Amino acid sequence: MVRRIAILLGLGLLTLFAISVIVFGATQALPGDITVQLLGVQTTPEAVAQLREQLGLDRPVIEQYFTWISGVLQGDFGTSLANQLPVATLMSSRLINTLVLAGISLLITVPVAILVGTIAARYRDSWFDRGLVAVTTIISGIPEFVIGILLVSVVIFFKFTAIPPVSTLDPGKSIWEQGNMLVLPVITLVLTAVPLLARMVRSTVVEQLDAEYIVMGRLNGLPTRNLVLQQALPNAFPPLIQSVALVTRYLVAGVVMVEVVFGFPGMGTALIDSVALRDLPTVQFVALALAAVIVAANILADLFATLATPKLRTALS
């Protein structure tokens, strides 16, 4: 098992290294010049050249990359070009906000999707199953920002004063003291993630219900409910864990758009703002941090799936 963990960590680090190269290259290709934005359009070429030298933007791209990645390995993510503050300090609260938002959404999504998907599989081809497939297909085709705007419209129309339509947090309070600000963003993410995971759960459980051991159990007179809860669902856990990892990636990607819609101060809004300002160190930090969350989710999912599979667990023990 230790060897398995070492391999997964090694692959994760290689993935992050590749992502760092892609992210750095992509940010270098962004249009515009941060120095012109900082100095103003009336600045002189000499002033621009001097500022670029001060910021290290006049050096070769490869040299800039190795300077940046060596700093990252030491926990130094650079200084924001827009406000001259350390990026890690500037983004720490936003990273926490995003992780809380995505984490709460995932904690709600997983049990709801497992319940709905399992019931649909148990009563396959029933009106509930057909309705689930139809509803999830429709919702899956609606972008997050559309669902968010619809929810805001409902809150404003029905005057739900307890639920703010805009999720602007008070920096003087912790996110836990402002839980009502999370309601609409969480509902939006859950509504987009549950259909995806519920369909995966249904498909996995249906596959288990068609397995020979379930058929034999039915022939022996065992209750279908017991077969589903005690046999089919536990055996479906390994692929379901991988499905949860996939949904986690979906949530991390979706949280960017949701934060923008509701004005939530997280990594998503930071990414949009920093791209607009061409604040390269901030863009690089946000992209790398979100990628690290996804890589970590994949590693954990692989480990849990291995532990949930008796044959693999025995082989690695």
C-alpha atoms as a PDB file:
ATOM      1  CA  MET A   1       0.000   0.000   0.000  1.00  0.00           C
ATOM      2  CA  VAL A   2       2.891   2.350   0.772  1.00  0.00           C
ATOM      3  CA  ARG A   3       4.243   1.739  -2.730  1.00  0.00           C
ATOM      4  CA  ARG A   4       0.813   2.488  -4.185  1.00  0.00           C
ATOM      5  CA  ILE A   5       0.625   5.771  -2.282  1.00  0.00           C
ATOM      6  CA  ALA A   6       4.142   6.708  -3.400  1.00  0.00           C
ATOM      7  CA  ILE A   7       3.239   6.027  -7.040  1.00  0.00           C
ATOM      8  CA  LEU A   8       0.053   8.102  -6.799  1.00  0.00           C
ATOM      9  CA  LEU A   9       1.885  10.990  -5.153  1.00  0.00           C
ATOM     10  CA  GLY A  10       4.598  10.829  -7.799  1.00  0.00           C
ATOM     11  CA  LEU A  11       2.058  10.891 -10.609  1.00  0.00           C
ATOM     12  CA  GLY A  12       0.249  13.741  -8.883  1.00  0.00           C
ATOM     13  CA  LEU A  13       3.438  15.796  -8.667  1.00  0.00           C
ATOM     14  CA  LEU A  14       4.232  15.110 -12.328  1.00  0.00           C
ATOM     15  CA  THR A  15       0.715  16.200 -13.244  1.00  0.00           C
ATOM     16  CA  LEU A  16       1.087  19.425 -11.271  1.00  0.00           C
ATOM     17  CA  PHE A  17       4.460  20.069 -12.920  1.00  0.00           C
ATOM     18  CA  ALA A  18       2.907  19.667 -16.370  1.00  0.00           C
ATOM     19  CA  ILE A  19       0.012  21.915 -15.354  1.00  0.00           C
ATOM     20  CA  SER A  20       2.442  24.544 -14.046  1.00  0.00           C
ATOM     21  CA  VAL A  21       4.170  24.644 -17.441  1.00  0.00           C
ATOM     22  CA  ILE A  22       0.842  24.962 -19.259  1.00  0.00           C
ATOM     23  CA  VAL A  23      -0.460  27.621 -16.865  1.00  0.00           C
ATOM     24  CA  PHE A  24       2.721  29.680 -17.054  1.00  0.00           C
ATOM     25  CA  GLY A  25       2.794  29.464 -20.837  1.00  0.00           C
ATOM     26  CA  ALA A  26      -0.885  30.392 -21.104  1.00  0.00           C
ATOM     27  CA  THR A  27      -0.496  33.422 -18.853  1.00  0.00           C
ATOM     28  CA  GLN A  28       2.442  34.626 -20.916  1.00  0.00           C
ATOM     29  CA  ALA A  29       0.190  34.498 -23.980  1.00  0.00           C
ATOM     30  CA  LEU A  30      -2.471  36.729 -22.421  1.00  0.00           C
ATOM     31  CA  PRO A  31      -3.035  39.939 -24.400  1.00  0.00           C
ATOM     32  CA  GLY A  32      -2.222  43.321 -22.892  1.00  0.00           C
ATOM     33  CA  ASP A  33       0.560  44.573 -20.660  1.00  0.00           C
ATOM     34  CA  ILE A  34       0.290  44.996 -16.889  1.00  0.00           C
ATOM     35  CA  THR A  35       2.918  47.749 -16.959  1.00  0.00           C
ATOM     36  CA  VAL A  36       0.767  49.906 -19.232  1.00  0.00           C
ATOM     37  CA  GLN A  37      -2.208  49.379 -16.925  1.00  0.00           C
ATOM     38  CA  LEU A  38      -0.130  50.334 -13.888  1.00  0.00           C
ATOM     39  CA  LEU A  39       1.449  53.412 -15.478  1.00  0.00           C
ATOM     40  CA  GLY A  40      -1.498  54.543 -17.600  1.00  0.00           C
ATOM     41  CA  VAL A  41      -1.901  54.929 -21.336  1.00  0.00           C
ATOM     42  CA  GLN A  42      -0.059  58.268 -21.321  1.00  0.00           C
ATOM     43  CA  THR A  43       3.182  56.699 -20.094  1.00  0.00           C
ATOM     44  CA  THR A  44       6.410  56.737 -22.066  1.00  0.00           C
ATOM     45  CA  PRO A  45       8.174  53.690 -23.556  1.00  0.00           C
ATOM     46  CA  GLU A  46      11.132  54.400 -21.271  1.00  0.00           C
ATOM     47  CA  ALA A  47       8.936  54.213 -18.152  1.00  0.00           C
ATOM     48  CA  VAL A  48       7.358  50.974 -19.396  1.00  0.00           C
ATOM     49  CA  ALA A  49      10.777  49.440 -20.045  1.00  0.00           C
ATOM     50  CA  GLN A  50      12.008  50.486 -16.590  1.00  0.00           C
ATOM     51  CA  LEU A  51       8.963  48.983 -14.838  1.00  0.00           C
ATOM     52  CA  ARG A  52       9.226  45.767 -16.848  1.00  0.00           C
ATOM     53  CA  GLU A  53      12.837  45.473 -15.705  1.00  0.00           C
ATOM     54  CA  GLN A  54      11.829  46.071 -12.071  1.00  0.00           C
ATOM     55  CA  LEU A  55       9.130  43.389 -12.285  1.00  0.00           C
ATOM     56  CA  GLY A  56      11.435  40.959 -14.080  1.00  0.00           C
ATOM     57  CA  LEU A  57       9.175  40.834 -17.129  1.00  0.00           C
ATOM     58  CA  ASP A  58      12.028  41.629 -19.500  1.00  0.00           C
ATOM     59  CA  ARG A  59      13.819  38.347 -18.791  1.00  0.00           C
ATOM     60  CA  PRO A  60      13.459  35.253 -21.033  1.00  0.00           C
ATOM     61  CA  VAL A  61      10.249  33.297 -20.440  1.00  0.00           C
ATOM     62  CA  ILE A  62      12.112  30.127 -19.428  1.00  0.00           C
ATOM     63  CA  GLU A  63      14.105  32.042 -16.835  1.00  0.00           C
ATOM     64  CA  GLN A  64      10.905  33.606 -15.505  1.00  0.00           C
ATOM     65  CA  TYR A  65       9.306  30.150 -15.247  1.00  0.00           C
ATOM     66  CA  PHE A  66      12.147  28.590 -13.271  1.00  0.00           C
ATOM     67  CA  THR A  67      12.271  31.603 -10.956  1.00  0.00           C
ATOM     68  CA  TRP A  68       8.537  31.276 -10.364  1.00  0.00           C
ATOM     69  CA  ILE A  69       8.439  27.482  -9.910  1.00  0.00           C
ATOM     70  CA  SER A  70      11.440  27.533  -7.552  1.00  0.00           C
ATOM     71  CA  GLY A  71       9.582  30.078  -5.441  1.00  0.00           C
ATOM     72  CA  VAL A  72       6.439  27.921  -5.491  1.00  0.00           C
ATOM     73  CA  LEU A  73       8.425  24.939  -4.207  1.00  0.00           C
ATOM     74  CA  GLN A  74       9.532  27.121  -1.288  1.00  0.00           C
ATOM     75  CA  GLY A  75       6.012  28.385  -0.605  1.00  0.00           C
ATOM     76  CA  ASP A  76       6.600  31.750  -2.270  1.00  0.00           C
ATOM     77  CA  PHE A  77       3.962  32.343  -4.941  1.00  0.00           C
ATOM     78  CA  GLY A  78       5.229  35.772  -5.853  1.00  0.00           C
ATOM     79  CA  THR A  79       3.829  39.264  -5.479  1.00  0.00           C
ATOM     80  CA  SER A  80       0.650  40.513  -7.070  1.00  0.00           C
ATOM     81  CA  LEU A  81       1.499  42.932  -9.865  1.00  0.00           C
ATOM     82  CA  ALA A  82      -1.782  44.783  -9.355  1.00  0.00           C
ATOM     83  CA  ASN A  83      -1.411  45.727  -5.672  1.00  0.00           C
ATOM     84  CA  GLN A  84       2.121  44.649  -4.682  1.00  0.00           C
ATOM     85  CA  LEU A  85       0.946  42.258  -1.938  1.00  0.00           C
ATOM     86  CA  PRO A  86       2.133  38.641  -1.527  1.00  0.00           C
ATOM     87  CA  VAL A  87      -0.156  36.442  -3.600  1.00  0.00           C
ATOM     88  CA  ALA A  88      -0.420  33.758  -0.908  1.00  0.00           C
ATOM     89  CA  THR A  89      -1.547  36.323   1.675  1.00  0.00           C
ATOM     90  CA  LEU A  90      -3.928  37.950  -0.773  1.00  0.00           C
ATOM     91  CA  MET A  91      -5.537  34.670  -1.849  1.00  0.00           C
ATOM     92  CA  SER A  92      -5.599  32.673   1.397  1.00  0.00           C
ATOM     93  CA  SER A  93      -9.058  33.816   2.496  1.00  0.00           C
ATOM     94  CA  ARG A  94     -10.417  33.404  -1.029  1.00  0.00           C
ATOM     95  CA  LEU A  95      -9.059  29.863  -1.223  1.00  0.00           C
ATOM     96  CA  ILE A  96     -10.766  29.016   2.066  1.00  0.00           C
ATOM     97  CA  ASN A  97     -14.040  30.520   0.818  1.00  0.00           C
ATOM     98  CA  THR A  98     -13.936  28.452  -2.363  1.00  0.00           C
ATOM     99  CA  LEU A  99     -13.062  25.233  -0.527  1.00  0.00           C
ATOM    100  CA  VAL A 100     -15.922  25.807   1.929  1.00  0.00           C
ATOM    101  CA  LEU A 101     -18.374  26.498  -0.896  1.00  0.00           C
ATOM    102  CA  ALA A 102     -17.299  23.468  -2.939  1.00  0.00           C
ATOM    103  CA  GLY A 103     -17.031  21.248   0.160  1.00  0.00           C
ATOM    104  CA  ILE A 104     -20.541  22.005   1.419  1.00  0.00           C
ATOM    105  CA  SER A 105     -21.921  21.489  -2.083  1.00  0.00           C
ATOM    106  CA  LEU A 106     -20.159  18.118  -2.344  1.00  0.00           C
ATOM    107  CA  LEU A 107     -21.369  16.993   1.102  1.00  0.00           C
ATOM    108  CA  ILE A 108     -24.954  17.673   0.032  1.00  0.00           C
ATOM    109  CA  THR A 109     -24.577  16.340  -3.505  1.00  0.00           C
ATOM    110  CA  VAL A 110     -23.157  12.906  -2.656  1.00  0.00           C
ATOM    111  CA  PRO A 111     -25.883  11.548  -0.311  1.00  0.00           C
ATOM    112  CA  VAL A 112     -28.716  13.082  -2.348  1.00  0.00           C
ATOM    113  CA  ALA A 113     -27.373  11.654  -5.617  1.00  0.00           C
ATOM    114  CA  ILE A 114     -26.738   8.217  -4.096  1.00  0.00           C
ATOM    115  CA  LEU A 115     -30.275   8.112  -2.669  1.00  0.00           C
ATOM    116  CA  VAL A 116     -31.956   9.264  -5.873  1.00  0.00           C
ATOM    117  CA  GLY A 117     -29.791   7.129  -8.158  1.00  0.00           C
ATOM    118  CA  THR A 118     -30.248   3.997  -6.036  1.00  0.00           C
ATOM    119  CA  ILE A 119     -34.039   4.386  -5.926  1.00  0.00           C
ATOM    120  CA  ALA A 120     -34.108   4.894  -9.691  1.00  0.00           C
ATOM    121  CA  ALA A 121     -32.019   1.741 -10.194  1.00  0.00           C
ATOM    122  CA  ARG A 122     -34.168  -0.243  -7.775  1.00  0.00           C
ATOM    123  CA  TYR A 123     -37.340   0.732  -9.641  1.00  0.00           C
ATOM    124  CA  ARG A 124     -35.826   0.643 -13.090  1.00  0.00           C
ATOM    125  CA  ASP A 125     -38.156   1.637 -15.962  1.00  0.00           C
ATOM    126  CA  SER A 126     -40.742   2.946 -13.486  1.00  0.00           C
ATOM    127  CA  TRP A 127     -42.263   6.413 -13.726  1.00  0.00           C
ATOM    128  CA  PHE A 128     -39.742   7.618 -11.129  1.00  0.00           C
ATOM    129  CA  ASP A 129     -36.824   6.267 -13.147  1.00  0.00           C
ATOM    130  CA  ARG A 130     -38.065   7.765 -16.407  1.00  0.00           C
ATOM    131  CA  GLY A 131     -38.788  11.060 -14.689  1.00  0.00           C
ATOM    132  CA  LEU A 132     -35.319  11.121 -13.148  1.00  0.00           C
ATOM    133  CA  VAL A 133     -33.649  10.507 -16.492  1.00  0.00           C
ATOM    134  CA  ALA A 134     -35.732  13.242 -18.130  1.00  0.00           C
ATOM    135  CA  VAL A 135     -35.197  15.817 -15.373  1.00  0.00           C
ATOM    136  CA  THR A 136     -31.470  15.174 -15.023  1.00  0.00           C
ATOM    137  CA  THR A 137     -31.005  15.390 -18.782  1.00  0.00           C
ATOM    138  CA  ILE A 138     -32.782  18.750 -18.888  1.00  0.00           C
ATOM    139  CA  ILE A 139     -30.934  20.208 -15.895  1.00  0.00           C
ATOM    140  CA  SER A 140     -27.577  18.962 -17.177  1.00  0.00           C
ATOM    141  CA  GLY A 141     -28.091  21.045 -20.300  1.00  0.00           C
ATOM    142  CA  ILE A 142     -28.580  24.277 -18.331  1.00  0.00           C
ATOM    143  CA  PRO A 143     -25.372  26.227 -17.563  1.00  0.00           C
ATOM    144  CA  GLU A 144     -24.601  27.140 -13.962  1.00  0.00           C
ATOM    145  CA  PHE A 145     -24.938  30.867 -14.567  1.00  0.00           C
ATOM    146  CA  VAL A 146     -28.460  30.424 -15.957  1.00  0.00           C
ATOM    147  CA  ILE A 147     -29.538  28.443 -12.882  1.00  0.00           C
ATOM    148  CA  GLY A 148     -27.917  31.070 -10.671  1.00  0.00           C
ATOM    149  CA  ILE A 149     -29.718  33.925 -12.401  1.00  0.00           C
ATOM    150  CA  LEU A 150     -33.040  32.067 -12.151  1.00  0.00           C
ATOM    151  CA  LEU A 151     -32.526  31.542  -8.410  1.00  0.00           C
ATOM    152  CA  VAL A 152     -31.690  35.223  -7.923  1.00  0.00           C
ATOM    153  CA  SER A 153     -34.848  36.162  -9.826  1.00  0.00           C
ATOM    154  CA  VAL A 154     -36.952  33.883  -7.614  1.00  0.00           C
ATOM    155  CA  VAL A 155     -35.456  35.343  -4.423  1.00  0.00           C
ATOM    156  CA  ILE A 156     -36.088  38.905  -5.578  1.00  0.00           C
ATOM    157  CA  PHE A 157     -39.591  38.199  -6.907  1.00  0.00           C
ATOM    158  CA  PHE A 158     -40.799  36.448  -3.755  1.00  0.00           C
ATOM    159  CA  LYS A 159     -38.837  38.824  -1.485  1.00  0.00           C
ATOM    160  CA  PHE A 160     -36.965  36.171   0.503  1.00  0.00           C
ATOM    161  CA  THR A 161     -35.158  38.659   2.723  1.00  0.00           C
ATOM    162  CA  ALA A 162     -33.328  35.939   4.671  1.00  0.00           C
ATOM    163  CA  ILE A 163     -31.516  34.842   1.503  1.00  0.00           C
ATOM    164  CA  PRO A 164     -29.369  37.585  -0.069  1.00  0.00           C
ATOM    165  CA  PRO A 165     -29.321  37.561  -3.894  1.00  0.00           C
ATOM    166  CA  VAL A 166     -25.672  38.650  -3.865  1.00  0.00           C
ATOM    167  CA  SER A 167     -23.088  36.730  -1.823  1.00  0.00           C
ATOM    168  CA  THR A 168     -20.714  39.552  -0.920  1.00  0.00           C
ATOM    169  CA  LEU A 169     -19.001  38.546   2.326  1.00  0.00           C
ATOM    170  CA  ASP A 170     -18.040  40.915   5.119  1.00  0.00           C
ATOM    171  CA  PRO A 171     -14.227  40.595   5.441  1.00  0.00           C
ATOM    172  CA  GLY A 172     -14.524  41.409   9.139  1.00  0.00           C
ATOM    173  CA  LYS A 173     -16.490  38.211   9.819  1.00  0.00           C
ATOM    174  CA  SER A 174     -15.711  34.559   9.216  1.00  0.00           C
ATOM    175  CA  ILE A 175     -17.516  32.731   6.450  1.00  0.00           C
ATOM    176  CA  TRP A 176     -19.298  30.588   9.049  1.00  0.00           C
ATOM    177  CA  GLU A 177     -20.924  33.703  10.519  1.00  0.00           C
ATOM    178  CA  GLN A 178     -22.382  34.527   7.114  1.00  0.00           C
ATOM    179  CA  GLY A 179     -23.917  31.188   6.209  1.00  0.00           C
ATOM    180  CA  ASN A 180     -26.907  32.798   4.499  1.00  0.00           C
ATOM    181  CA  MET A 181     -24.516  34.123   1.852  1.00  0.00           C
ATOM    182  CA  LEU A 182     -23.755  30.540   0.821  1.00  0.00           C
ATOM    183  CA  VAL A 183     -27.353  29.448   0.262  1.00  0.00           C
ATOM    184  CA  LEU A 184     -27.821  30.406  -3.391  1.00  0.00           C
ATOM    185  CA  PRO A 185     -24.301  29.450  -4.579  1.00  0.00           C
ATOM    186  CA  VAL A 186     -24.596  26.058  -2.851  1.00  0.00           C
ATOM    187  CA  ILE A 187     -28.070  25.395  -4.288  1.00  0.00           C
ATOM    188  CA  THR A 188     -26.797  26.290  -7.760  1.00  0.00           C
ATOM    189  CA  LEU A 189     -23.832  23.923  -7.527  1.00  0.00           C
ATOM    190  CA  VAL A 190     -25.939  21.122  -6.035  1.00  0.00           C
ATOM    191  CA  LEU A 191     -28.583  21.450  -8.748  1.00  0.00           C
ATOM    192  CA  THR A 192     -25.929  21.097 -11.434  1.00  0.00           C
ATOM    193  CA  ALA A 193     -23.931  18.310  -9.747  1.00  0.00           C
ATOM    194  CA  VAL A 194     -26.693  16.012  -8.435  1.00  0.00           C
ATOM    195  CA  PRO A 195     -28.048  15.099 -11.903  1.00  0.00           C
ATOM    196  CA  LEU A 196     -24.569  14.127 -13.089  1.00  0.00           C
ATOM    197  CA  LEU A 197     -23.760  11.952 -10.083  1.00  0.00           C
ATOM    198  CA  ALA A 198     -27.282  10.493  -9.802  1.00  0.00           C
ATOM    199  CA  ARG A 199     -27.062   9.160 -13.371  1.00  0.00           C
ATOM    200  CA  MET A 200     -23.680   7.595 -12.585  1.00  0.00           C
ATOM    201  CA  VAL A 201     -25.077   6.010  -9.413  1.00  0.00           C
ATOM    202  CA  ARG A 202     -28.079   4.658 -11.287  1.00  0.00           C
ATOM    203  CA  SER A 203     -25.914   3.155 -14.022  1.00  0.00           C
ATOM    204  CA  THR A 204     -23.517   1.550 -11.526  1.00  0.00           C
ATOM    205  CA  VAL A 205     -26.246   0.103  -9.302  1.00  0.00           C
ATOM    206  CA  VAL A 206     -28.196  -1.200 -12.318  1.00  0.00           C
ATOM    207  CA  GLU A 207     -25.051  -3.014 -13.437  1.00  0.00           C
ATOM    208  CA  GLN A 208     -24.761  -4.614 -10.007  1.00  0.00           C
ATOM    209  CA  LEU A 209     -28.448  -5.577  -9.946  1.00  0.00           C
ATOM    210  CA  ASP A 210     -27.956  -7.446 -13.221  1.00  0.00           C
ATOM    211  CA  ALA A 211     -25.019  -9.388 -11.773  1.00  0.00           C
ATOM    212  CA  GLU A 212     -25.310 -13.131 -11.264  1.00  0.00           C
ATOM    213  CA  TYR A 213     -25.074 -13.026  -7.471  1.00  0.00           C
ATOM    214  CA  ILE A 214     -28.095 -10.694  -7.283  1.00  0.00           C
ATOM    215  CA  VAL A 215     -30.077 -12.930  -9.637  1.00  0.00           C
ATOM    216  CA  MET A 216     -29.250 -15.953  -7.472  1.00  0.00           C
ATOM    217  CA  GLY A 217     -30.276 -14.033  -4.378  1.00  0.00           C
ATOM    218  CA  ARG A 218     -33.653 -13.271  -5.894  1.00  0.00           C
ATOM    219  CA  LEU A 219     -34.132 -16.899  -6.896  1.00  0.00           C
ATOM    220  CA  ASN A 220     -33.414 -17.869  -3.295  1.00  0.00           C
ATOM    221  CA  GLY A 221     -36.170 -15.557  -2.121  1.00  0.00           C
ATOM    222  CA  LEU A 222     -34.059 -12.806  -0.578  1.00  0.00           C
ATOM    223  CA  PRO A 223     -35.853  -9.430  -0.360  1.00  0.00           C
ATOM    224  CA  THR A 224     -34.850  -7.029  -3.135  1.00  0.00           C
ATOM    225  CA  ARG A 225     -34.354  -4.241  -0.619  1.00  0.00           C
ATOM    226  CA  ASN A 226     -31.772  -6.288   1.281  1.00  0.00           C
ATOM    227  CA  LEU A 227     -30.007  -7.230  -1.934  1.00  0.00           C
ATOM    228  CA  VAL A 228     -29.776  -3.579  -2.949  1.00  0.00           C
ATOM    229  CA  LEU A 229     -28.607  -2.220   0.410  1.00  0.00           C
ATOM    230  CA  GLN A 230     -26.427  -5.114   1.551  1.00  0.00           C
ATOM    231  CA  GLN A 231     -25.001  -6.392  -1.747  1.00  0.00           C
ATOM    232  CA  ALA A 232     -25.436  -4.158  -4.800  1.00  0.00           C
ATOM    233  CA  LEU A 233     -24.683  -0.795  -3.201  1.00  0.00           C
ATOM    234  CA  PRO A 234     -21.553  -1.892  -1.258  1.00  0.00           C
ATOM    235  CA  ASN A 235     -20.158  -3.567  -4.384  1.00  0.00           C
ATOM    236  CA  ALA A 236     -20.848  -0.385  -6.331  1.00  0.00           C
ATOM    237  CA  PHE A 237     -18.738   1.734  -3.969  1.00  0.00           C
ATOM    238  CA  PRO A 238     -15.387   1.533  -5.847  1.00  0.00           C
ATOM    239  CA  PRO A 239     -16.739   2.960  -9.128  1.00  0.00           C
ATOM    240  CA  LEU A 240     -18.940   5.380  -7.183  1.00  0.00           C
ATOM    241  CA  ILE A 241     -15.882   6.776  -5.420  1.00  0.00           C
ATOM    242  CA  GLN A 242     -14.335   7.488  -8.812  1.00  0.00           C
ATOM    243  CA  SER A 243     -17.603   9.133  -9.837  1.00  0.00           C
ATOM    244  CA  VAL A 244     -17.432  11.385  -6.780  1.00  0.00           C
ATOM    245  CA  ALA A 245     -13.919  12.422  -7.840  1.00  0.00           C
ATOM    246  CA  LEU A 246     -15.293  13.298 -11.275  1.00  0.00           C
ATOM    247  CA  VAL A 247     -18.061  15.373  -9.705  1.00  0.00           C
ATOM    248  CA  THR A 248     -15.459  17.104  -7.526  1.00  0.00           C
ATOM    249  CA  ARG A 249     -13.653  18.213 -10.678  1.00  0.00           C
ATOM    250  CA  TYR A 250     -16.990  19.369 -12.049  1.00  0.00           C
ATOM    251  CA  LEU A 251     -17.702  21.400  -8.897  1.00  0.00           C
ATOM    252  CA  VAL A 252     -14.255  23.012  -8.868  1.00  0.00           C
ATOM    253  CA  ALA A 253     -14.746  24.087 -12.483  1.00  0.00           C
ATOM    254  CA  GLY A 254     -18.334  25.202 -11.892  1.00  0.00           C
ATOM    255  CA  VAL A 255     -17.499  27.202  -8.790  1.00  0.00           C
ATOM    256  CA  VAL A 256     -15.673  29.774 -10.937  1.00  0.00           C
ATOM    257  CA  MET A 257     -18.829  30.706 -12.841  1.00  0.00           C
ATOM    258  CA  VAL A 258     -21.051  30.510  -9.758  1.00  0.00           C
ATOM    259  CA  GLU A 259     -18.793  32.858  -7.797  1.00  0.00           C
ATOM    260  CA  VAL A 260     -18.907  35.391 -10.607  1.00  0.00           C
ATOM    261  CA  VAL A 261     -22.718  35.240 -10.824  1.00  0.00           C
ATOM    262  CA  PHE A 262     -23.205  35.839  -7.094  1.00  0.00           C
ATOM    263  CA  GLY A 263     -20.183  38.080  -6.503  1.00  0.00           C
ATOM    264  CA  PHE A 264     -18.779  35.539  -4.053  1.00  0.00           C
ATOM    265  CA  PRO A 265     -15.210  36.444  -3.002  1.00  0.00           C
ATOM    266  CA  GLY A 266     -13.469  33.212  -3.893  1.00  0.00           C
ATOM    267  CA  MET A 267     -10.895  31.880  -6.318  1.00  0.00           C
ATOM    268  CA  GLY A 268     -13.276  32.152  -9.263  1.00  0.00           C
ATOM    269  CA  THR A 269     -13.818  35.890  -8.973  1.00  0.00           C
ATOM    270  CA  ALA A 270     -10.109  36.325  -8.226  1.00  0.00           C
ATOM    271  CA  LEU A 271      -9.264  34.494 -11.454  1.00  0.00           C
ATOM    272  CA  ILE A 272     -11.561  36.671 -13.562  1.00  0.00           C
ATOM    273  CA  ASP A 273     -10.308  39.891 -11.951  1.00  0.00           C
ATOM    274  CA  SER A 274      -6.633  38.953 -12.226  1.00  0.00           C
ATOM    275  CA  VAL A 275      -6.996  37.945 -15.884  1.00  0.00           C
ATOM    276  CA  ALA A 276      -8.645  41.294 -16.623  1.00  0.00           C
ATOM    277  CA  LEU A 277      -5.753  43.100 -14.891  1.00  0.00           C
ATOM    278  CA  ARG A 278      -3.170  40.728 -16.398  1.00  0.00           C
ATOM    279  CA  ASP A 279      -1.911  40.072 -12.877  1.00  0.00           C
ATOM    280  CA  LEU A 280       0.111  37.023 -13.874  1.00  0.00           C
ATOM    281  CA  PRO A 281       1.286  35.788 -10.424  1.00  0.00           C
ATOM    282  CA  THR A 282      -2.305  35.798  -9.148  1.00  0.00           C
ATOM    283  CA  VAL A 283      -3.618  34.001 -12.242  1.00  0.00           C
ATOM    284  CA  GLN A 284      -0.884  31.390 -11.895  1.00  0.00           C
ATOM    285  CA  PHE A 285      -1.593  30.847  -8.191  1.00  0.00           C
ATOM    286  CA  VAL A 286      -5.343  30.445  -8.698  1.00  0.00           C
ATOM    287  CA  ALA A 287      -4.959  28.029 -11.613  1.00  0.00           C
ATOM    288  CA  LEU A 288      -2.314  25.953  -9.825  1.00  0.00           C
ATOM    289  CA  ALA A 289      -4.288  25.887  -6.553  1.00  0.00           C
ATOM    290  CA  LEU A 290      -7.475  24.697  -8.270  1.00  0.00           C
ATOM    291  CA  ALA A 291      -5.469  22.084 -10.175  1.00  0.00           C
ATOM    292  CA  ALA A 292      -3.910  20.895  -6.904  1.00  0.00           C
ATOM    293  CA  VAL A 293      -7.378  20.437  -5.388  1.00  0.00           C
ATOM    294  CA  ILE A 294      -8.447  18.301  -8.348  1.00  0.00           C
ATOM    295  CA  VAL A 295      -5.250  16.221  -8.284  1.00  0.00           C
ATOM    296  CA  ALA A 296      -5.640  15.661  -4.530  1.00  0.00           C
ATOM    297  CA  ALA A 297      -9.259  14.579  -5.039  1.00  0.00           C
ATOM    298  CA  ASN A 298      -8.181  12.073  -7.693  1.00  0.00           C
ATOM    299  CA  ILE A 299      -5.454  10.625  -5.446  1.00  0.00           C
ATOM    300  CA  LEU A 300      -7.834  10.252  -2.500  1.00  0.00           C
ATOM    301  CA  ALA A 301     -10.494   8.698  -4.739  1.00  0.00           C
ATOM    302  CA  ASP A 302      -7.999   6.167  -6.085  1.00  0.00           C
ATOM    303  CA  LEU A 303      -6.889   5.231  -2.566  1.00  0.00           C
ATOM    304  CA  PHE A 304     -10.432   4.902  -1.216  1.00  0.00           C
ATOM    305  CA  ALA A 305     -11.516   2.908  -4.270  1.00  0.00           C
ATOM    306  CA  THR A 306      -8.584   0.557  -3.699  1.00  0.00           C
ATOM    307  CA  LEU A 307      -9.491   0.127  -0.034  1.00  0.00           C
ATOM    308  CA  ALA A 308     -13.116  -0.527  -0.992  1.00  0.00           C
ATOM    309  CA  THR A 309     -12.118  -3.304  -3.420  1.00  0.00           C
ATOM    310  CA  PRO A 310     -11.282  -6.506  -1.478  1.00  0.00           C
ATOM    311  CA  LYS A 311      -9.116  -8.035  -4.221  1.00  0.00           C
ATOM    312  CA  LEU A 312      -7.007  -4.910  -4.655  1.00  0.00           C
ATOM    313  CA  ARG A 313      -6.779  -4.366  -0.911  1.00  0.00           C
ATOM    314  CA  THR A 314      -5.553  -7.936  -0.415  1.00  0.00           C
ATOM    315  CA  ALA A 315      -3.057  -7.675  -3.269  1.00  0.00           C
ATOM    316  CA  LEU A 316      -1.541  -4.496  -1.822  1.00  0.00           C
ATOM    317  CA  SER A 317      -1.441  -5.683   1.786  1.00  0.00           C
END
